[in-house]
Protein backbone atom coordinates (compact mmCIF):
# COMPACT_ATOMS: atom_id res chain seq x y z
CA MET A 1 95.95 271.91 -34.85
CA GLU A 2 98.26 272.12 -37.61
CA LYS A 3 97.66 274.94 -40.15
CA LEU A 4 95.52 272.54 -42.38
CA PHE A 5 92.61 273.58 -44.32
CA VAL A 6 90.33 270.53 -45.47
CA GLN A 7 88.18 271.36 -48.43
CA TRP A 8 85.52 268.89 -49.10
CA GLY A 9 84.70 269.20 -52.78
CA GLY A 10 87.50 269.84 -55.36
CA GLY A 11 85.03 271.29 -58.10
CA ASN A 12 84.97 274.59 -59.59
CA ILE A 13 84.45 276.59 -56.35
CA GLY A 14 86.56 274.47 -54.12
CA ARG A 15 89.68 274.77 -56.33
CA SER A 16 89.28 278.09 -57.95
CA PHE A 17 88.06 279.99 -54.83
CA VAL A 18 87.93 278.39 -51.39
CA GLY A 19 91.10 276.25 -51.83
CA GLN A 20 93.06 279.35 -53.13
CA VAL A 21 92.01 281.63 -50.62
CA PHE A 22 93.42 279.38 -47.98
CA ALA A 23 96.43 278.12 -49.84
CA ARG A 24 97.50 281.67 -50.37
CA ALA A 25 97.05 282.42 -46.60
CA SER A 26 99.78 279.64 -46.15
CA TYR A 27 97.52 276.96 -45.18
CA LYS A 28 98.32 273.20 -46.24
CA VAL A 29 95.11 272.32 -48.22
CA THR A 30 93.71 268.68 -48.33
CA PHE A 31 90.93 268.13 -50.77
CA VAL A 32 88.16 265.39 -50.18
CA ASP A 33 86.55 264.30 -53.43
CA ILE A 34 85.46 261.27 -55.34
CA ASP A 35 86.86 262.11 -58.57
CA GLU A 36 89.92 259.46 -58.85
CA GLY A 37 91.63 261.42 -61.87
CA LEU A 38 91.49 264.74 -59.90
CA ILE A 39 92.88 263.16 -56.60
CA GLU A 40 95.68 261.25 -58.48
CA ALA A 41 96.67 264.27 -60.35
CA LEU A 42 96.72 266.63 -57.19
CA ASN A 43 98.76 264.12 -55.19
CA SER A 44 101.13 263.51 -57.97
CA LYS A 45 102.07 267.10 -58.49
CA GLY A 46 101.07 268.64 -55.11
CA GLU A 47 99.96 271.96 -56.76
CA TYR A 48 97.57 273.17 -59.46
CA VAL A 49 97.23 276.42 -61.22
CA VAL A 50 94.23 278.82 -61.18
CA GLU A 51 94.15 280.85 -64.52
CA THR A 52 92.48 284.24 -63.78
CA VAL A 53 90.88 286.08 -66.89
CA PHE A 54 89.37 289.45 -67.08
CA HIS A 55 89.08 290.84 -70.52
CA ASP A 56 92.53 290.74 -72.21
CA LYS A 57 94.52 290.13 -68.67
CA VAL A 58 95.43 286.53 -67.99
CA GLU A 59 97.40 285.69 -64.88
CA GLN A 60 98.45 282.17 -63.66
CA ILE A 61 98.54 281.50 -60.05
CA PRO A 62 100.27 278.57 -58.78
CA ILE A 63 98.52 276.96 -55.70
CA LYS A 64 101.14 274.87 -53.85
CA GLY A 65 101.18 272.60 -50.95
CA VAL A 66 97.85 270.78 -51.63
CA ASN A 67 96.96 267.02 -51.48
CA ALA A 68 93.78 264.82 -52.11
CA ILE A 69 91.94 262.11 -50.43
CA ASN A 70 88.99 260.06 -51.58
CA ALA A 71 85.86 260.79 -49.71
CA ASN A 72 85.10 256.99 -49.43
CA ASP A 73 88.35 256.53 -47.55
CA GLN A 74 86.72 257.07 -44.13
CA GLU A 75 90.06 256.55 -42.07
CA SER A 76 91.92 259.20 -44.11
CA VAL A 77 88.91 261.68 -43.83
CA ASN A 78 88.81 261.24 -40.28
CA GLN A 79 92.61 261.72 -39.75
CA ALA A 80 92.32 264.97 -41.91
CA ILE A 81 89.41 266.42 -40.08
CA VAL A 82 90.77 265.42 -36.65
CA ASN A 83 93.80 267.36 -37.29
CA CYS A 84 92.80 270.39 -39.34
CA ALA A 85 92.58 273.86 -38.20
CA LEU A 86 89.22 274.40 -40.17
CA MET A 87 87.56 273.18 -43.20
CA GLY A 88 85.07 274.06 -46.11
CA VAL A 89 82.54 272.25 -47.98
CA SER A 90 81.52 272.84 -51.67
CA VAL A 91 79.53 270.05 -52.96
CA GLY A 92 76.05 271.37 -53.84
CA LYS A 93 72.78 271.21 -51.61
CA ASN A 94 71.66 267.89 -53.61
CA VAL A 95 75.10 266.11 -52.55
CA TRP A 96 75.08 267.18 -48.94
CA PRO A 97 72.77 264.18 -47.83
CA HIS A 98 75.30 261.88 -49.62
CA ILE A 99 78.23 263.14 -47.54
CA ALA A 100 76.67 263.91 -44.01
CA LYS A 101 77.24 260.45 -42.68
CA GLN A 102 81.07 260.31 -43.67
CA LEU A 103 81.40 263.98 -42.40
CA ALA A 104 79.58 263.35 -39.16
CA THR A 105 81.77 260.17 -38.26
CA ALA A 106 85.00 262.32 -38.96
CA ILE A 107 83.51 265.01 -36.56
CA ASN A 108 82.63 262.45 -33.98
CA GLU A 109 86.09 261.13 -34.13
CA ARG A 110 87.71 264.60 -33.67
CA TYR A 111 85.43 265.15 -30.63
CA LYS A 112 86.83 262.05 -29.17
CA GLU A 113 90.26 263.15 -29.51
CA HIS A 114 89.97 266.89 -29.34
CA LYS A 115 86.94 267.76 -27.08
CA GLU A 116 88.70 271.26 -26.46
CA SER A 117 88.88 272.19 -30.23
CA PRO A 118 85.58 272.78 -31.88
CA LEU A 119 85.64 272.59 -35.60
CA ASP A 120 84.61 275.53 -37.91
CA ILE A 121 83.05 274.53 -41.29
CA ILE A 122 82.72 277.09 -44.02
CA LEU A 123 79.76 276.19 -45.95
CA ALA A 124 80.80 277.39 -49.16
CA GLU A 125 77.30 276.99 -50.86
CA ASN A 126 74.71 279.22 -51.85
CA ILE A 127 72.15 277.47 -49.75
CA HIS A 128 69.20 279.47 -47.97
CA ASN A 129 69.45 278.70 -44.23
CA GLY A 130 72.60 276.52 -44.95
CA ALA A 131 73.49 276.01 -41.30
CA SER A 132 70.21 274.66 -40.02
CA PHE A 133 70.11 272.49 -43.42
CA VAL A 134 73.40 271.05 -42.62
CA ALA A 135 72.81 270.70 -38.96
CA SER A 136 69.67 268.61 -39.58
CA LEU A 137 71.54 266.38 -41.77
CA LEU A 138 74.54 266.01 -39.32
CA LYS A 139 72.26 265.31 -36.37
CA GLU A 140 70.84 262.24 -38.07
CA HIS A 141 74.43 260.65 -37.92
CA LEU A 142 75.77 261.88 -34.81
CA PRO A 143 75.48 260.23 -31.51
CA GLN A 144 72.36 261.03 -29.35
CA GLY A 145 73.09 263.96 -27.28
CA PHE A 146 76.18 265.12 -29.21
CA PRO A 147 76.95 269.01 -28.63
CA LEU A 148 76.77 269.88 -32.25
CA GLN A 149 76.01 273.55 -31.56
CA GLU A 150 78.85 273.93 -28.97
CA TYR A 151 81.41 271.89 -31.10
CA VAL A 152 80.68 272.62 -34.82
CA GLY A 153 80.54 276.29 -36.15
CA LEU A 154 78.52 276.23 -39.36
CA ILE A 155 79.34 279.23 -41.22
CA GLU A 156 76.95 280.42 -44.04
CA THR A 157 78.54 282.27 -46.82
CA SER A 158 77.59 284.26 -50.13
CA ILE A 159 79.60 282.79 -53.04
CA GLY A 160 79.78 285.41 -55.86
CA LYS A 161 82.73 284.09 -57.88
CA MET A 162 81.94 283.26 -61.32
CA VAL A 163 83.71 280.06 -62.81
CA PRO A 164 82.48 279.20 -66.43
CA ILE A 165 82.13 275.63 -67.76
CA GLN A 166 85.51 274.48 -68.06
CA THR A 167 86.99 273.56 -71.60
CA GLU A 168 90.56 272.68 -70.24
CA SER A 169 90.76 268.92 -69.89
CA ASP A 170 93.92 269.02 -67.42
CA PRO A 171 92.54 268.94 -63.90
CA LEU A 172 95.32 271.10 -62.63
CA VAL A 173 94.40 274.01 -64.58
CA ILE A 174 91.05 275.77 -63.67
CA ARG A 175 89.83 279.00 -65.34
CA ALA A 176 87.99 281.72 -63.40
CA GLU A 177 87.64 285.39 -62.71
CA PRO A 178 90.10 287.02 -60.51
CA HIS A 179 87.17 288.01 -57.89
CA ASN A 180 88.04 286.55 -54.64
CA ASP A 181 85.96 288.11 -51.81
CA LEU A 182 84.62 285.23 -49.61
CA TYR A 183 81.84 286.59 -47.48
CA VAL A 184 81.32 284.69 -44.41
CA ASN A 185 79.02 284.98 -41.33
CA ARG A 186 81.00 286.48 -38.64
CA GLU A 187 78.53 285.24 -36.06
CA GLY A 188 78.93 281.44 -37.14
CA PHE A 189 82.63 280.92 -35.99
CA LEU A 190 83.36 279.28 -32.74
CA ASN A 191 87.19 279.84 -32.80
CA PRO A 192 88.63 283.31 -33.57
CA ILE A 193 88.16 284.28 -37.23
CA PRO A 194 91.25 283.26 -39.08
CA ALA A 195 93.47 286.21 -40.47
CA VAL A 196 92.76 285.48 -44.16
CA ALA A 197 93.28 288.44 -46.73
CA ASP A 198 90.23 287.39 -48.77
CA LEU A 199 87.87 286.57 -45.94
CA ARG A 200 85.03 289.01 -45.56
CA PRO A 201 83.33 288.50 -42.16
CA VAL A 202 79.87 290.16 -42.17
CA ALA A 203 76.40 290.17 -40.44
CA PRO A 204 73.65 289.77 -40.78
CA MET A 205 74.33 287.01 -43.27
CA GLU A 206 70.83 286.81 -44.59
CA ALA A 207 71.01 290.18 -46.06
CA TYR A 208 74.39 289.24 -48.02
CA GLY A 209 72.65 286.02 -49.20
CA ASP A 210 69.79 288.14 -50.44
CA ARG A 211 72.08 290.49 -52.27
CA LYS A 212 73.72 287.63 -54.00
CA LEU A 213 70.27 286.13 -54.88
CA TYR A 214 68.33 289.23 -55.78
CA VAL A 215 71.12 291.41 -57.35
CA HIS A 216 73.88 289.14 -58.59
CA ASN A 217 71.96 286.13 -59.56
CA MET A 218 69.02 288.01 -60.84
CA GLY A 219 71.00 290.35 -62.72
CA HIS A 220 73.07 287.70 -64.45
CA ALA A 221 69.59 285.74 -65.28
CA THR A 222 68.28 288.73 -66.73
CA ALA A 223 71.13 289.34 -69.07
CA ALA A 224 70.80 285.89 -70.29
CA TYR A 225 67.04 285.99 -70.70
CA LEU A 226 66.77 289.35 -72.32
CA GLY A 227 69.86 288.81 -74.28
CA TYR A 228 68.26 285.57 -75.95
CA GLN A 229 65.03 287.37 -76.40
CA LYS A 230 66.76 290.01 -78.29
CA TYR A 231 69.87 287.98 -79.90
CA PRO A 232 68.72 284.34 -80.06
CA ASN A 233 71.71 283.64 -82.34
CA LEU A 234 74.40 284.93 -80.12
CA GLU A 235 76.28 282.43 -77.59
CA TYR A 236 77.93 284.71 -74.96
CA ILE A 237 76.85 286.98 -72.05
CA ALA A 238 79.55 289.31 -72.77
CA GLU A 239 78.36 289.79 -76.50
CA VAL A 240 74.69 290.79 -75.67
CA LEU A 241 75.96 293.27 -73.05
CA GLU A 242 77.94 295.14 -76.05
CA ASP A 243 74.31 296.28 -76.77
CA ASP A 244 74.16 299.65 -74.64
CA HIS A 245 70.35 299.57 -74.62
CA LEU A 246 70.28 295.98 -73.30
CA LEU A 247 72.96 296.78 -70.87
CA GLU A 248 70.92 299.98 -69.30
CA GLN A 249 67.79 297.47 -69.26
CA VAL A 250 69.92 295.10 -67.02
CA ARG A 251 71.17 297.92 -64.90
CA GLN A 252 67.81 299.38 -64.18
CA THR A 253 66.46 295.90 -63.47
CA MET A 254 69.17 295.64 -60.93
CA GLY A 255 68.47 298.92 -59.60
CA GLN A 256 64.79 297.79 -58.94
CA SER A 257 66.04 294.77 -57.04
CA THR A 258 68.28 297.10 -55.21
CA SER A 259 65.41 299.09 -53.90
CA ILE A 260 63.62 296.24 -52.67
CA LEU A 261 66.69 294.84 -51.14
CA LEU A 262 67.44 298.16 -49.31
CA GLU A 263 63.69 298.26 -47.94
CA LEU A 264 64.05 294.31 -46.90
CA HIS A 265 67.20 294.98 -44.88
CA LYS A 266 67.11 298.52 -43.60
CA GLY A 267 70.27 299.86 -42.48
CA VAL A 268 72.55 297.10 -43.66
CA PHE A 269 73.37 298.55 -47.27
CA THR A 270 73.46 302.06 -48.74
CA ARG A 271 71.94 302.77 -52.11
CA GLU A 272 75.62 304.23 -52.93
CA GLU A 273 77.42 300.95 -52.24
CA LEU A 274 74.76 298.62 -53.80
CA ASP A 275 74.91 301.00 -57.09
CA TYR A 276 78.63 300.47 -56.91
CA HIS A 277 78.18 296.66 -56.33
CA SER A 278 75.85 296.45 -59.39
CA GLU A 279 78.41 298.33 -61.47
CA ASP A 280 81.08 296.15 -60.49
CA LEU A 281 78.81 292.97 -61.43
CA LEU A 282 78.18 294.42 -64.79
CA SER A 283 81.76 294.86 -65.48
CA ARG A 284 82.39 291.15 -64.54
CA PHE A 285 79.33 290.00 -66.81
CA LYS A 286 81.10 291.65 -69.51
CA ASN A 287 84.14 289.82 -69.13
CA ARG A 288 84.54 288.25 -72.52
CA ALA A 289 87.56 286.27 -71.68
CA LEU A 290 85.31 284.21 -69.16
CA GLY A 291 83.47 282.63 -71.98
CA ASP A 292 80.25 282.64 -70.17
CA THR A 293 77.46 281.77 -72.42
CA LEU A 294 73.66 282.45 -72.34
CA PHE A 295 73.14 278.89 -71.86
CA ARG A 296 74.87 278.32 -68.73
CA VAL A 297 73.71 281.47 -67.05
CA GLY A 298 69.85 280.88 -68.10
CA ARG A 299 69.54 276.96 -68.01
CA ASP A 300 67.86 275.04 -65.28
CA LEU A 301 64.59 276.98 -65.59
CA PRO A 302 62.59 274.95 -62.98
CA ARG A 303 65.04 276.02 -60.21
CA LYS A 304 65.47 279.66 -61.49
CA LEU A 305 61.97 280.32 -61.97
CA ASN A 306 60.83 278.80 -58.64
CA TRP A 307 59.01 281.17 -56.15
CA GLU A 308 61.85 281.40 -53.72
CA ASP A 309 64.71 281.74 -56.45
CA ARG A 310 66.37 284.83 -57.89
CA ILE A 311 63.45 286.40 -60.02
CA MET A 312 60.10 285.38 -58.59
CA GLY A 313 61.72 285.58 -55.21
CA VAL A 314 62.58 289.25 -55.38
CA ILE A 315 59.04 289.82 -57.24
CA LEU A 316 57.14 288.60 -54.42
CA ARG A 317 59.38 290.45 -51.90
CA GLY A 318 58.59 293.79 -53.89
CA GLU A 319 54.99 292.93 -53.95
CA GLU A 320 54.82 292.54 -50.19
CA LEU A 321 56.59 295.67 -49.74
CA GLY A 322 54.43 297.71 -52.22
CA LEU A 323 57.64 298.51 -54.51
CA PRO A 324 57.79 298.28 -58.22
CA TRP A 325 59.03 295.26 -59.75
CA ASP A 326 57.82 295.46 -63.52
CA LEU A 327 61.34 295.36 -64.98
CA ILE A 328 61.95 292.35 -63.07
CA GLY A 329 58.62 290.85 -64.16
CA LYS A 330 59.75 291.37 -67.74
CA ALA A 331 63.06 289.15 -67.20
CA TYR A 332 60.53 286.36 -65.72
CA LEU A 333 58.52 286.59 -69.03
CA ALA A 334 61.56 286.47 -71.32
CA ALA A 335 62.47 283.26 -69.20
CA LEU A 336 59.24 281.54 -70.15
CA SER A 337 60.66 281.68 -73.85
CA PHE A 338 64.24 280.78 -73.11
CA LYS A 339 65.71 278.15 -75.62
CA ALA A 340 69.33 278.85 -75.88
CA LEU A 341 71.60 276.03 -77.35
CA ASP A 342 74.95 274.80 -75.69
CA HIS A 343 78.31 274.50 -77.45
CA ASN A 344 76.91 271.20 -79.12
CA ARG A 345 73.82 273.26 -80.55
CA GLU A 346 71.47 271.19 -78.23
CA ARG A 347 68.92 272.50 -75.58
CA ASP A 348 68.90 271.52 -72.06
CA LYS A 349 66.57 268.40 -71.97
CA ARG A 350 65.01 269.28 -68.42
CA ASP A 351 64.33 272.99 -69.71
CA GLN A 352 62.80 271.67 -73.01
CA GLN A 353 60.29 269.40 -70.88
CA PHE A 354 59.55 272.24 -68.46
CA LEU A 355 58.62 274.51 -71.25
CA LYS A 356 56.61 271.91 -73.11
CA GLU A 357 54.65 271.48 -69.89
CA LEU A 358 53.93 275.22 -69.92
CA GLU A 359 52.84 275.35 -73.52
CA GLY A 360 49.50 276.65 -74.49
CA LEU A 361 48.44 277.30 -70.89
CA PRO A 362 46.95 280.87 -70.08
CA LEU A 363 49.49 283.11 -68.41
CA ARG A 364 48.17 282.93 -64.90
CA GLU A 365 48.41 279.07 -64.98
CA LYS A 366 51.74 279.31 -66.63
CA LEU A 367 53.10 281.54 -63.68
CA TYR A 368 51.53 279.34 -61.19
CA LYS A 369 53.09 276.16 -62.57
CA ALA A 370 56.43 277.83 -63.40
CA SER A 371 57.01 279.17 -59.99
CA ARG A 372 55.63 275.92 -58.11
CA TRP A 373 53.44 278.43 -56.18
CA SER A 374 51.66 275.57 -54.67
CA THR A 375 54.79 274.48 -52.73
CA SER A 376 54.92 278.12 -51.38
CA PRO A 377 53.91 279.25 -47.82
CA HIS A 378 52.60 282.59 -49.20
CA PRO A 379 48.97 283.32 -49.34
CA GLN A 380 46.89 282.82 -52.58
CA SER A 381 46.06 286.62 -52.30
CA LEU A 382 49.80 287.48 -52.94
CA PHE A 383 49.89 285.29 -56.15
CA ASP A 384 46.60 286.69 -57.27
CA SER A 385 47.96 290.37 -56.79
CA ILE A 386 51.24 289.33 -58.74
CA ALA A 387 49.33 287.41 -61.53
CA GLU A 388 47.22 290.52 -62.12
CA LYS A 389 50.34 292.88 -62.56
CA PHE A 390 51.93 290.11 -65.00
CA ALA A 391 48.73 290.15 -67.08
CA ALA A 392 49.16 294.01 -67.51
CA LEU A 393 52.86 293.56 -68.11
CA SER A 394 52.53 290.86 -70.76
CA SER A 395 50.07 292.86 -72.85
CA THR A 396 53.00 295.58 -73.09
CA HIS A 397 55.74 292.88 -73.38
C-alpha cells in the first residue's frame, strides 16, 4: 500500500483537522467529496491553507500533496480505497446512510485485490457507538458472508477541535483553532497504529467520548445558554466569558460534570487531569479570534436538549449515581429560553418552532417533551426524580 490517506468528507473537520494531521505526517491525502467547487480548487492547486487562530496569534499552515475526487465517481473512489494505507470519514451521522453503499463497494473491491491488507477507517465523527452504527450500514451493502470484522477496522474517535462558521469564501483557506489532538480508539485498529504525531490512541474509548460530550460540549453549551440569558445582545462566546462571574459559573458547572464522569468511568481519569482539561477548554472557549458565536454553539435545541445529549445525558447519569447536578440543570433551564440571533439577525427556524411547541406547558411536560423522554429506555421513575429536582431548581432560577 502506498502512503496514501483517503479522507471522505472535505468539510471543516476533514480539511482543518484530519487531512492536516495526516498530510503533516507525510501522507498524500485524497479527499472524497461532492462539492465540485472544492474538488476543482484542490486539484488545481494541490494544496490548501489552514489558518490557526488563538487570541492575537495567527499562523498559516500550508497543507501540500492533496487532491480530490467526486464521491459519485465510483471507479475513482474504488481505486483510491483499494490503494490507500488507511482512511478517515467525517460526513456527519445523517450523511452516513447516503455514502454507505459507495464505501462498501470500494471496500469489497479492495478485498478482491488485497485480501491480505485489512483497511482501517478512522471515524472522525462524534457518534455514540459509531463503530456498530457504521458496521450495520456497511453490512447492508456488502456480499453475504463478507468478513467485515476481520477486514475493516472501524476506529471511533473523540473530536474536540473547534472550527467556527467560515466567513472566508476561498475553499482553499480554512480557519480553526490550533488544537490538533486526535483521540482514537487504540483497540479499533487491525493494522499497527500509524506513527502520526497528533494521533492519541486511548482506551476505553467510551470514557473519552463521554468526556467530550459531558465536559467539552456541555461546558460550551452552558457558556452559550447562560451567556445569552445574561447578555442577550452580545454575539460571541468570548465576549460573555469576559464576565468573571459567568466564567466561574461555567467552570463550576463543568466541575459538577467532571465529578459525574469520574464516578462513571472509575480509574480512567484523575480529578487533576480533568480539571486541567477543563481549564484548557475554558481558555479555548475564550479565544476571541475564533469568532465563535452564541448562536452557533447554542443552536439545534432539539438535538442538544435530547435525553442522550450533552446536558440531560449527564444529568440522568448524575441522578442514577446520586451525585449533584443542580448547576447543569440551570444550564438546561436557560436553554429553554435560548433565542440568539445569527449574523443576519435571524433566529434558527427549527429552534423557533421547537420553543413554540414548548410554550405555555407546565415545567414537567416541557422537560418531558424537550428531552424526548418518550424515546428513552430509562424508567419513568428516573424522569420523575429528575423532574422533581428541576421543579425545586426553577423556583430559585
